[in-house]
Amino acid sequence: ALSASRRAVELKPQYVRAWVNVGTSYANQTQYEQAMRYYVKALRMNPDMKHVWSYLRTTVIAMRREDLLGAIQDCNLDVLQREYP
């Protein structure tokens, strides 16, 4: 699933769902830092994707980065972009 999703990102970098799928694949492999980068990129493209904010919440809890929960609660993409450019 990861390789197919990454290929989709390469072929259609504007396809937001592909960025989310790569993030989810990384999260499923407990590669949370990588997952965060892909989720943040997806939200830069479409910040109204409420389910991705939920994925971020789950991922930061798994990473024990509760310090980022406030930014996620407030949908503060600027904070997250500084952490995961």
N, C-alpha and C. Protein backbone atom coordinates (compact mmCIF):
# COMPACT_ATOMS: atom_id res chain seq x y z
N ALA A 1 0.83 -1.20 0.00
CA ALA A 1 0.00 0.00 0.00
C ALA A 1 0.87 1.25 0.00
N LEU A 2 1.97 1.23 0.74
CA LEU A 2 2.83 2.41 0.82
C LEU A 2 3.43 2.74 -0.54
N SER A 3 3.95 1.75 -1.23
CA SER A 3 4.58 2.04 -2.52
C SER A 3 3.57 2.56 -3.54
N ALA A 4 2.37 2.01 -3.54
CA ALA A 4 1.33 2.49 -4.47
C ALA A 4 0.93 3.92 -4.14
N SER A 5 0.80 4.22 -2.87
CA SER A 5 0.43 5.59 -2.47
C SER A 5 1.54 6.58 -2.79
N ARG A 6 2.76 6.18 -2.56
CA ARG A 6 3.88 7.07 -2.88
C ARG A 6 3.97 7.31 -4.38
N ARG A 7 3.67 6.28 -5.15
CA ARG A 7 3.66 6.43 -6.61
C ARG A 7 2.56 7.41 -7.03
N ALA A 8 1.40 7.31 -6.38
CA ALA A 8 0.30 8.23 -6.67
C ALA A 8 0.71 9.67 -6.39
N VAL A 9 1.45 9.89 -5.30
CA VAL A 9 1.94 11.24 -4.97
C VAL A 9 2.89 11.73 -6.06
N GLU A 10 3.76 10.84 -6.54
CA GLU A 10 4.70 11.22 -7.60
C GLU A 10 3.96 11.58 -8.89
N LEU A 11 2.95 10.80 -9.23
CA LEU A 11 2.23 11.02 -10.49
C LEU A 11 1.29 12.21 -10.44
N LYS A 12 0.66 12.40 -9.29
CA LYS A 12 -0.32 13.49 -9.15
C LYS A 12 -0.10 14.17 -7.80
N PRO A 13 0.92 15.01 -7.71
CA PRO A 13 1.24 15.63 -6.41
C PRO A 13 0.13 16.50 -5.85
N GLN A 14 -0.83 16.91 -6.65
CA GLN A 14 -1.94 17.71 -6.17
C GLN A 14 -3.09 16.85 -5.64
N TYR A 15 -2.97 15.53 -5.73
CA TYR A 15 -4.01 14.62 -5.27
C TYR A 15 -3.88 14.43 -3.75
N VAL A 16 -4.66 15.19 -3.03
CA VAL A 16 -4.55 15.26 -1.57
C VAL A 16 -4.72 13.89 -0.93
N ARG A 17 -5.66 13.11 -1.41
CA ARG A 17 -5.94 11.81 -0.80
C ARG A 17 -4.69 10.91 -0.83
N ALA A 18 -3.88 11.04 -1.85
CA ALA A 18 -2.66 10.22 -1.92
C ALA A 18 -1.71 10.58 -0.78
N TRP A 19 -1.60 11.88 -0.46
CA TRP A 19 -0.74 12.30 0.65
C TRP A 19 -1.26 11.71 1.97
N VAL A 20 -2.57 11.72 2.13
CA VAL A 20 -3.17 11.15 3.34
C VAL A 20 -2.90 9.65 3.39
N ASN A 21 -3.04 8.97 2.27
CA ASN A 21 -2.81 7.52 2.23
C ASN A 21 -1.37 7.16 2.58
N VAL A 22 -0.42 7.95 2.10
CA VAL A 22 0.98 7.69 2.45
C VAL A 22 1.17 7.89 3.96
N GLY A 23 0.61 8.96 4.49
CA GLY A 23 0.70 9.20 5.93
C GLY A 23 0.11 8.06 6.74
N THR A 24 -1.04 7.57 6.30
CA THR A 24 -1.68 6.46 7.00
C THR A 24 -0.83 5.19 6.93
N SER A 25 -0.23 4.95 5.77
CA SER A 25 0.64 3.77 5.64
C SER A 25 1.83 3.87 6.59
N TYR A 26 2.43 5.05 6.66
CA TYR A 26 3.55 5.23 7.59
C TYR A 26 3.08 5.07 9.04
N ALA A 27 1.93 5.62 9.37
CA ALA A 27 1.42 5.49 10.74
C ALA A 27 1.17 4.03 11.08
N ASN A 28 0.65 3.28 10.14
CA ASN A 28 0.39 1.85 10.37
C ASN A 28 1.68 1.06 10.60
N GLN A 29 2.79 1.61 10.13
CA GLN A 29 4.10 0.98 10.34
C GLN A 29 4.84 1.59 11.52
N THR A 30 4.13 2.38 12.30
CA THR A 30 4.66 3.12 13.45
C THR A 30 5.80 4.07 13.08
N GLN A 31 5.81 4.54 11.87
CA GLN A 31 6.77 5.55 11.42
C GLN A 31 6.06 6.90 11.51
N TYR A 32 5.84 7.32 12.74
CA TYR A 32 4.97 8.46 13.01
C TYR A 32 5.52 9.79 12.50
N GLU A 33 6.82 9.99 12.58
CA GLU A 33 7.40 11.23 12.09
C GLU A 33 7.10 11.40 10.60
N GLN A 34 7.29 10.34 9.86
CA GLN A 34 6.99 10.39 8.42
C GLN A 34 5.50 10.62 8.20
N ALA A 35 4.67 9.94 8.95
CA ALA A 35 3.22 10.11 8.82
C ALA A 35 2.83 11.56 9.04
N MET A 36 3.40 12.19 10.05
CA MET A 36 3.08 13.58 10.35
C MET A 36 3.40 14.48 9.16
N ARG A 37 4.53 14.26 8.53
CA ARG A 37 4.91 15.10 7.39
C ARG A 37 3.89 15.00 6.25
N TYR A 38 3.43 13.80 5.99
CA TYR A 38 2.46 13.62 4.90
C TYR A 38 1.09 14.18 5.28
N TYR A 39 0.69 14.00 6.52
CA TYR A 39 -0.60 14.56 6.95
C TYR A 39 -0.57 16.10 6.89
N VAL A 40 0.53 16.68 7.35
CA VAL A 40 0.65 18.14 7.33
C VAL A 40 0.64 18.65 5.89
N LYS A 41 1.33 17.96 5.00
CA LYS A 41 1.32 18.36 3.59
C LYS A 41 -0.11 18.30 3.04
N ALA A 42 -0.84 17.25 3.35
CA ALA A 42 -2.22 17.13 2.88
C ALA A 42 -3.06 18.29 3.40
N LEU A 43 -2.86 18.66 4.66
CA LEU A 43 -3.63 19.76 5.23
C LEU A 43 -3.22 21.11 4.66
N ARG A 44 -1.97 21.25 4.26
CA ARG A 44 -1.57 22.50 3.58
C ARG A 44 -2.35 22.65 2.28
N MET A 45 -2.63 21.53 1.64
CA MET A 45 -3.36 21.55 0.38
C MET A 45 -4.87 21.72 0.61
N ASN A 46 -5.37 21.16 1.71
CA ASN A 46 -6.80 21.26 2.01
C ASN A 46 -7.00 21.21 3.53
N PRO A 47 -6.94 22.35 4.20
CA PRO A 47 -7.05 22.37 5.66
C PRO A 47 -8.44 22.01 6.20
N ASP A 48 -9.41 21.85 5.33
CA ASP A 48 -10.77 21.52 5.78
C ASP A 48 -11.01 20.02 5.91
N MET A 49 -9.99 19.22 5.71
CA MET A 49 -10.15 17.76 5.81
C MET A 49 -10.15 17.36 7.29
N LYS A 50 -11.33 17.38 7.89
CA LYS A 50 -11.47 17.14 9.33
C LYS A 50 -10.92 15.78 9.75
N HIS A 51 -11.09 14.78 8.92
CA HIS A 51 -10.61 13.45 9.29
C HIS A 51 -9.08 13.41 9.40
N VAL A 52 -8.38 14.24 8.64
CA VAL A 52 -6.92 14.26 8.73
C VAL A 52 -6.48 14.89 10.05
N TRP A 53 -7.22 15.89 10.52
CA TRP A 53 -6.92 16.45 11.84
C TRP A 53 -7.06 15.36 12.90
N SER A 54 -8.04 14.49 12.73
CA SER A 54 -8.23 13.38 13.66
C SER A 54 -7.06 12.40 13.58
N TYR A 55 -6.58 12.13 12.37
CA TYR A 55 -5.41 11.25 12.21
C TYR A 55 -4.20 11.87 12.89
N LEU A 56 -4.05 13.17 12.76
CA LEU A 56 -2.94 13.85 13.44
C LEU A 56 -3.04 13.68 14.94
N ARG A 57 -4.22 13.85 15.47
CA ARG A 57 -4.43 13.70 16.92
C ARG A 57 -3.99 12.30 17.37
N THR A 58 -4.44 11.30 16.66
CA THR A 58 -4.08 9.92 17.00
C THR A 58 -2.57 9.70 16.91
N THR A 59 -1.97 10.27 15.89
CA THR A 59 -0.52 10.09 15.68
C THR A 59 0.29 10.78 16.76
N VAL A 60 -0.06 12.01 17.13
CA VAL A 60 0.73 12.68 18.17
C VAL A 60 0.57 12.00 19.52
N ILE A 61 -0.58 11.43 19.77
CA ILE A 61 -0.75 10.66 21.02
C ILE A 61 0.15 9.43 20.99
N ALA A 62 0.20 8.74 19.87
CA ALA A 62 1.07 7.56 19.74
C ALA A 62 2.54 7.94 19.90
N MET A 63 2.89 9.16 19.44
CA MET A 63 4.27 9.64 19.54
C MET A 63 4.58 10.22 20.93
N ARG A 64 3.56 10.33 21.75
CA ARG A 64 3.70 10.98 23.06
C ARG A 64 4.10 12.45 22.91
N ARG A 65 3.51 13.11 21.90
CA ARG A 65 3.75 14.53 21.65
C ARG A 65 2.49 15.32 21.98
N GLU A 66 2.01 15.12 23.19
CA GLU A 66 0.80 15.80 23.62
C GLU A 66 0.92 17.31 23.57
N ASP A 67 2.16 17.81 23.51
CA ASP A 67 2.36 19.25 23.39
C ASP A 67 1.79 19.81 22.09
N LEU A 68 1.53 18.97 21.12
CA LEU A 68 0.97 19.41 19.85
C LEU A 68 -0.56 19.31 19.80
N LEU A 69 -1.17 18.75 20.83
CA LEU A 69 -2.62 18.58 20.81
C LEU A 69 -3.37 19.91 20.74
N GLY A 70 -2.87 20.93 21.39
CA GLY A 70 -3.52 22.24 21.33
C GLY A 70 -3.55 22.79 19.91
N ALA A 71 -2.44 22.65 19.19
CA ALA A 71 -2.38 23.12 17.81
C ALA A 71 -3.37 22.35 16.94
N ILE A 72 -3.49 21.07 17.20
CA ILE A 72 -4.44 20.26 16.43
C ILE A 72 -5.86 20.65 16.78
N GLN A 73 -6.14 20.82 18.06
CA GLN A 73 -7.48 21.22 18.50
C GLN A 73 -7.88 22.56 17.87
N ASP A 74 -6.92 23.47 17.76
CA ASP A 74 -7.18 24.80 17.19
C ASP A 74 -7.03 24.83 15.67
N CYS A 75 -6.71 23.67 15.08
CA CYS A 75 -6.44 23.59 13.63
C CYS A 75 -5.38 24.61 13.22
N ASN A 76 -4.33 24.70 14.03
CA ASN A 76 -3.24 25.65 13.80
C ASN A 76 -2.15 24.98 12.97
N LEU A 77 -2.29 25.11 11.68
CA LEU A 77 -1.37 24.47 10.77
C LEU A 77 0.03 25.08 10.82
N ASP A 78 0.13 26.36 11.18
CA ASP A 78 1.44 27.02 11.26
C ASP A 78 2.36 26.32 12.26
N VAL A 79 1.84 25.99 13.42
CA VAL A 79 2.64 25.29 14.44
C VAL A 79 3.11 23.95 13.91
N LEU A 80 2.21 23.21 13.28
CA LEU A 80 2.55 21.89 12.78
C LEU A 80 3.55 21.96 11.64
N GLN A 81 3.44 22.98 10.80
CA GLN A 81 4.39 23.13 9.70
C GLN A 81 5.79 23.43 10.20
N ARG A 82 5.90 24.14 11.31
CA ARG A 82 7.23 24.41 11.88
C ARG A 82 7.85 23.11 12.39
N GLU A 83 7.04 22.25 12.96
CA GLU A 83 7.53 20.97 13.49
C GLU A 83 7.79 19.96 12.38
N TYR A 84 6.94 19.97 11.36
CA TYR A 84 7.00 18.96 10.29
C TYR A 84 6.92 19.64 8.93
N PRO A 85 8.02 20.29 8.52
CA PRO A 85 8.01 21.03 7.24
C PRO A 85 7.90 20.11 6.02
